[in-house]
Amino acid sequence: MKGSLQFIGNATTLIRYNGLTLLTDPNFLHRGQRAYLGYGLSSRRLTDPAVEIEDLPPLDGVVLSHLHGDHWDRVARRKLDKDTVIVTTTAAARRLRLQGFRRSVGLEEWHTHELRGPHGTVRITALPAKHAPGPAEALLPPVIGTMLEFRNLDERVELTVHVSGDTLLDRRLDAIPRRFPDIDLGIVHLGGTRLLGLLLVTMDGEQGASWCDLINPHAVVPVHYDDYAAFTSPLDDFRHHIEQNGLADRVVYMRRGEIRELAPHHLVR
């Protein structure tokens, strides 16, 4: 197998390709435990992760969209190897280095970091994201989306994976398909998360379907939609709007724990 994608739960996935292994947004809390979101806010987890953190394979890096308790939790802070490379926002990298993760790399938008493996490299590019509307954005941690470009030893791009991060649909995302017009796989964070039951801070089903139309990946895997009580937009909401938009043939719905093969330029269905 050239590579694989495993959905662990919430926004946590394990991506393997060309001998490189990346973990996204590590969240290993269990059902009933609370993720802390700042300002005294928290949300209760409704599911268990499909994999325990102790059972992960050796990691070449972690791709972290932002520093919220449902993306970087106390389990990850305690149990991940402190030598792990964590690619994230500049604000998160500063805090992670204070926690002992001295190899944390903070990226500004459009800046890149490269990891090298036995059969190629992955170039990680930070992309625009918007975690809340208007002035409320300043109250939440900075967030990035990421583009993962897996290259072979000849430096030829074999696979592109875009992780949306926690974002709303926003005009600043328009630049992504202009810079990356041929994306193999999009991993889209959904859920319609509402803080205090009011403020929408992640895409609901309608916005998620519009994101797919805008970003235009060849295949889409939805994540981050039913693991926490703060989510208000179920996966069926996304499914409904995807079908309305005529994009149903692109979406791969993965169960927690499921593994799909990643091959050059596509996700094997």
Protein backbone atom coordinates (compact mmCIF):
# COMPACT_ATOMS: atom_id res chain seq x y z
CA MET A 1 0.00 0.00 0.00
CA LYS A 2 1.42 3.36 -1.04
CA GLY A 3 -0.35 5.19 1.76
CA SER A 4 -3.46 5.36 3.91
CA LEU A 5 -5.87 7.62 5.74
CA GLN A 6 -7.37 6.56 9.08
CA PHE A 7 -10.18 8.49 10.76
CA ILE A 8 -9.63 8.33 14.54
CA GLY A 9 -12.38 10.74 15.61
CA ASN A 10 -13.28 14.43 15.76
CA ALA A 11 -10.60 16.11 13.57
CA THR A 12 -7.95 13.49 14.36
CA THR A 13 -6.70 11.51 11.39
CA LEU A 14 -3.58 9.46 10.68
CA ILE A 15 -2.10 10.08 7.23
CA ARG A 16 0.62 7.78 5.90
CA TYR A 17 2.31 8.22 2.55
CA ASN A 18 5.74 7.46 1.09
CA GLY A 19 7.03 6.30 4.47
CA LEU A 20 5.90 9.47 6.27
CA THR A 21 3.31 9.39 9.08
CA LEU A 22 1.38 12.51 10.11
CA LEU A 23 -1.25 12.97 12.82
CA THR A 24 -3.78 15.79 12.57
CA ASP A 25 -5.34 17.67 15.49
CA PRO A 26 -4.72 15.11 18.27
CA ASN A 27 -7.80 14.61 20.45
CA PHE A 28 -7.83 11.47 22.61
CA LEU A 29 -10.30 12.38 25.33
CA HIS A 30 -12.98 9.77 26.01
CA ARG A 31 -16.77 9.91 26.10
CA GLY A 32 -17.97 12.08 28.96
CA GLN A 33 -14.73 14.04 29.35
CA ARG A 34 -14.73 17.75 28.68
CA ALA A 35 -12.58 19.70 26.22
CA TYR A 36 -11.71 23.18 27.43
CA LEU A 37 -12.13 26.03 24.96
CA GLY A 38 -11.02 29.07 26.99
CA TYR A 39 -12.96 31.80 28.85
CA GLY A 40 -14.40 29.11 31.12
CA LEU A 41 -16.11 27.38 28.20
CA SER A 42 -16.00 23.64 27.67
CA SER A 43 -17.78 20.94 25.69
CA ARG A 44 -18.47 17.32 26.62
CA ARG A 45 -17.21 14.58 24.33
CA LEU A 46 -19.93 12.20 23.11
CA THR A 47 -17.72 9.53 21.51
CA ASP A 48 -14.52 7.59 22.12
CA PRO A 49 -11.48 7.82 19.83
CA ALA A 50 -10.99 4.75 17.65
CA VAL A 51 -7.30 4.55 18.60
CA GLU A 52 -5.61 5.23 21.92
CA ILE A 53 -2.62 7.57 21.84
CA GLU A 54 -0.37 4.78 23.17
CA ASP A 55 -1.19 2.68 20.10
CA LEU A 56 -0.11 5.23 17.51
CA PRO A 57 2.81 4.35 15.22
CA PRO A 58 5.97 6.51 15.36
CA LEU A 59 5.12 9.97 14.03
CA ASP A 60 7.10 12.18 11.67
CA GLY A 61 4.95 15.13 12.61
CA VAL A 62 1.67 16.54 13.90
CA VAL A 63 -0.37 19.02 11.88
CA LEU A 64 -2.32 21.19 14.34
CA SER A 65 -4.84 23.71 13.04
CA HIS A 66 -5.13 25.63 16.31
CA LEU A 67 -4.88 25.33 20.07
CA HIS A 68 -8.37 24.38 21.24
CA GLY A 69 -9.08 21.56 23.68
CA ASP A 70 -10.84 19.41 21.09
CA HIS A 71 -7.80 19.58 18.78
CA TRP A 72 -4.94 19.53 21.27
CA ASP A 73 -6.04 18.04 24.57
CA ARG A 74 -4.44 17.19 27.89
CA VAL A 75 -3.84 13.60 26.75
CA ALA A 76 -1.73 14.80 23.79
CA ARG A 77 0.10 17.27 26.02
CA ARG A 78 1.03 14.55 28.51
CA LYS A 79 1.66 11.56 26.28
CA LEU A 80 3.04 12.69 22.92
CA ASP A 81 6.82 12.51 22.59
CA LYS A 82 8.21 15.97 23.34
CA ASP A 83 10.55 15.59 20.33
CA THR A 84 7.60 15.40 17.92
CA VAL A 85 7.57 18.06 15.19
CA ILE A 86 4.30 19.99 15.49
CA VAL A 87 3.40 22.29 12.58
CA THR A 88 0.84 24.86 13.63
CA THR A 89 0.13 28.58 14.00
CA THR A 90 2.84 30.88 15.31
CA ALA A 91 0.80 31.56 18.47
CA ALA A 92 0.28 27.86 19.17
CA ALA A 93 3.94 27.04 18.51
CA ARG A 94 5.04 29.56 21.14
CA ARG A 95 2.75 27.98 23.74
CA LEU A 96 3.74 24.45 22.79
CA ARG A 97 7.43 25.24 23.16
CA LEU A 98 6.67 26.42 26.70
CA GLN A 99 5.01 23.02 27.29
CA GLY A 100 8.26 21.32 26.27
CA PHE A 101 7.50 20.61 22.60
CA ARG A 102 10.67 22.37 21.50
CA ARG A 103 10.43 21.29 17.84
CA SER A 104 7.11 23.06 17.29
CA VAL A 105 7.05 25.07 14.04
CA GLY A 106 4.80 28.12 13.70
CA LEU A 107 3.74 29.09 10.19
CA GLU A 108 2.27 32.32 8.89
CA GLU A 109 -0.24 32.05 6.03
CA TRP A 110 1.33 30.70 2.82
CA HIS A 111 4.60 29.83 4.59
CA THR A 112 5.85 26.25 4.37
CA HIS A 113 7.72 23.59 6.31
CA GLU A 114 9.12 20.40 4.83
CA LEU A 115 9.50 16.98 6.40
CA ARG A 116 11.73 14.36 4.78
CA GLY A 117 11.07 10.63 4.78
CA PRO A 118 12.73 7.55 3.29
CA HIS A 119 10.83 7.72 -0.01
CA GLY A 120 10.10 11.43 -0.40
CA THR A 121 9.03 14.59 1.37
CA VAL A 122 5.89 16.39 2.45
CA ARG A 123 5.65 20.15 2.11
CA ILE A 124 3.18 21.64 4.60
CA THR A 125 1.74 25.04 3.66
CA ALA A 126 -0.32 27.16 6.05
CA LEU A 127 -3.56 28.36 4.46
CA PRO A 128 -6.15 30.99 5.40
CA ALA A 129 -8.94 30.14 7.84
CA LYS A 130 -11.49 32.16 9.81
CA HIS A 131 -12.72 30.70 13.11
CA ALA A 132 -15.45 33.22 13.99
CA PRO A 133 -17.41 36.05 12.38
CA GLY A 134 -16.42 39.68 12.70
CA PRO A 135 -14.77 40.96 15.90
CA ALA A 136 -15.42 37.63 17.66
CA GLU A 137 -12.49 36.17 15.72
CA ALA A 138 -10.13 37.99 18.09
CA LEU A 139 -11.55 36.01 21.03
CA LEU A 140 -10.56 32.63 19.59
CA PRO A 141 -7.11 31.14 18.96
CA PRO A 142 -5.61 31.84 15.52
CA VAL A 143 -6.26 28.97 13.12
CA ILE A 144 -4.78 27.73 9.85
CA GLY A 145 -5.79 25.30 7.19
CA THR A 146 -2.97 23.25 5.70
CA MET A 147 -1.96 21.84 2.33
CA LEU A 148 0.10 18.66 2.40
CA GLU A 149 2.05 18.05 -0.80
CA PHE A 150 3.63 14.61 -0.81
CA ARG A 151 6.57 14.45 -3.22
CA ASN A 152 8.63 11.50 -4.38
CA LEU A 153 12.44 11.39 -4.44
CA ASP A 154 12.38 13.19 -7.81
CA GLU A 155 10.50 16.09 -6.15
CA ARG A 156 7.38 15.36 -8.20
CA VAL A 157 4.10 15.95 -6.34
CA GLU A 158 2.21 12.66 -6.10
CA LEU A 159 -0.58 13.53 -3.68
CA THR A 160 -2.13 16.74 -2.33
CA VAL A 161 -4.26 16.75 0.83
CA HIS A 162 -5.96 19.88 2.12
CA VAL A 163 -7.07 19.95 5.77
CA SER A 164 -9.55 22.80 6.21
CA GLY A 165 -8.97 23.43 9.91
CA ASP A 166 -11.78 24.95 11.97
CA THR A 167 -13.00 27.67 9.66
CA LEU A 168 -16.11 29.37 8.39
CA LEU A 169 -16.71 29.91 4.70
CA ASP A 170 -15.07 33.28 4.03
CA ARG A 171 -13.72 35.26 1.09
CA ARG A 172 -10.15 34.83 2.31
CA LEU A 173 -10.46 31.16 1.35
CA ASP A 174 -10.93 32.14 -2.32
CA ALA A 175 -7.15 32.28 -2.77
CA ILE A 176 -6.71 28.57 -1.95
CA PRO A 177 -8.00 27.09 -5.23
CA ARG A 178 -6.17 29.78 -7.17
CA ARG A 179 -2.87 28.67 -5.65
CA PHE A 180 -3.75 24.97 -5.56
CA PRO A 181 -6.08 24.25 -8.49
CA ASP A 182 -5.64 20.45 -8.40
CA ILE A 183 -6.31 19.03 -4.92
CA ASP A 184 -6.63 15.27 -4.55
CA LEU A 185 -8.29 15.09 -1.14
CA GLY A 186 -10.02 17.61 1.09
CA ILE A 187 -10.54 16.83 4.78
CA VAL A 188 -13.28 19.23 5.86
CA HIS A 189 -14.07 20.22 9.45
CA LEU A 190 -17.83 20.55 9.93
CA GLY A 191 -20.19 20.43 12.92
CA GLY A 192 -21.70 23.88 12.96
CA THR A 193 -20.03 24.42 16.33
CA ARG A 194 -21.77 27.12 18.37
CA LEU A 195 -20.18 28.77 21.37
CA LEU A 196 -22.70 29.54 24.13
CA GLY A 197 -25.26 27.98 21.80
CA LEU A 198 -25.22 31.11 19.64
CA LEU A 199 -21.98 31.98 17.86
CA LEU A 200 -21.22 29.82 14.81
CA VAL A 201 -17.47 29.06 14.70
CA THR A 202 -17.18 26.08 12.32
CA MET A 203 -18.94 25.30 9.06
CA ASP A 204 -22.39 23.75 9.14
CA GLY A 205 -23.59 21.39 6.41
CA GLU A 206 -24.55 24.14 3.99
CA GLN A 207 -21.24 25.97 4.35
CA GLY A 208 -19.34 22.68 4.13
CA ALA A 209 -20.99 21.84 0.82
CA SER A 210 -20.15 25.32 -0.48
CA TRP A 211 -16.55 24.81 0.70
CA CYS A 212 -16.36 21.64 -1.41
CA ASP A 213 -17.65 23.59 -4.40
CA LEU A 214 -15.07 26.35 -3.83
CA ILE A 215 -12.00 24.23 -3.02
CA ASN A 216 -12.95 21.60 -5.62
CA PRO A 217 -11.00 18.56 -4.37
CA HIS A 218 -11.34 15.30 -6.28
CA ALA A 219 -12.42 13.53 -3.06
CA VAL A 220 -13.74 14.82 0.27
CA VAL A 221 -13.72 13.25 3.74
CA PRO A 222 -15.91 15.04 6.32
CA VAL A 223 -14.72 15.05 9.96
CA HIS A 224 -15.46 17.02 13.16
CA TYR A 225 -19.25 16.72 13.14
CA ASP A 226 -20.67 14.63 16.01
CA ASP A 227 -18.04 14.14 18.69
CA TYR A 228 -18.94 17.07 20.97
CA ALA A 229 -22.09 18.53 22.46
CA ALA A 230 -21.23 21.95 20.97
CA PHE A 231 -21.84 20.62 17.45
CA THR A 232 -25.25 21.59 16.08
CA SER A 233 -25.10 20.48 12.42
CA PRO A 234 -25.18 16.68 11.97
CA LEU A 235 -23.55 14.83 9.11
CA ASP A 236 -26.93 14.36 7.41
CA ASP A 237 -27.13 18.15 7.06
CA PHE A 238 -23.88 18.09 5.07
CA ARG A 239 -25.05 15.06 3.07
CA HIS A 240 -28.28 16.85 2.12
CA HIS A 241 -26.50 19.97 0.85
CA ILE A 242 -23.79 17.95 -0.93
CA GLU A 243 -26.50 16.11 -2.84
CA GLN A 244 -28.24 19.38 -3.66
CA ASN A 245 -24.95 20.74 -5.01
CA GLY A 246 -24.41 17.67 -7.19
CA LEU A 247 -21.17 16.67 -5.42
CA ALA A 248 -22.25 13.42 -3.76
CA ASP A 249 -19.94 11.30 -5.90
CA ARG A 250 -16.88 13.03 -4.42
CA VAL A 251 -17.60 12.40 -0.74
CA VAL A 252 -16.16 9.43 1.16
CA TYR A 253 -17.89 8.89 4.51
CA MET A 254 -15.54 7.15 6.93
CA ARG A 255 -16.42 5.43 10.18
CA ARG A 256 -14.21 6.04 13.20
CA GLY A 257 -11.32 3.61 12.96
CA GLU A 258 -11.78 3.00 9.24
CA ILE A 259 -8.71 3.03 6.98
CA ARG A 260 -8.78 3.94 3.28
CA GLU A 261 -5.93 3.53 0.84
CA LEU A 262 -4.15 6.64 -0.47
CA ALA A 263 -2.61 6.19 -3.90
CA PRO A 264 -0.94 8.74 -6.22
CA HIS A 265 -3.48 11.43 -7.08
CA HIS A 266 -6.49 9.84 -5.41
CA LEU A 267 -8.16 8.26 -2.42
CA VAL A 268 -9.13 4.70 -3.17
CA ARG A 269 -12.86 4.30 -2.44
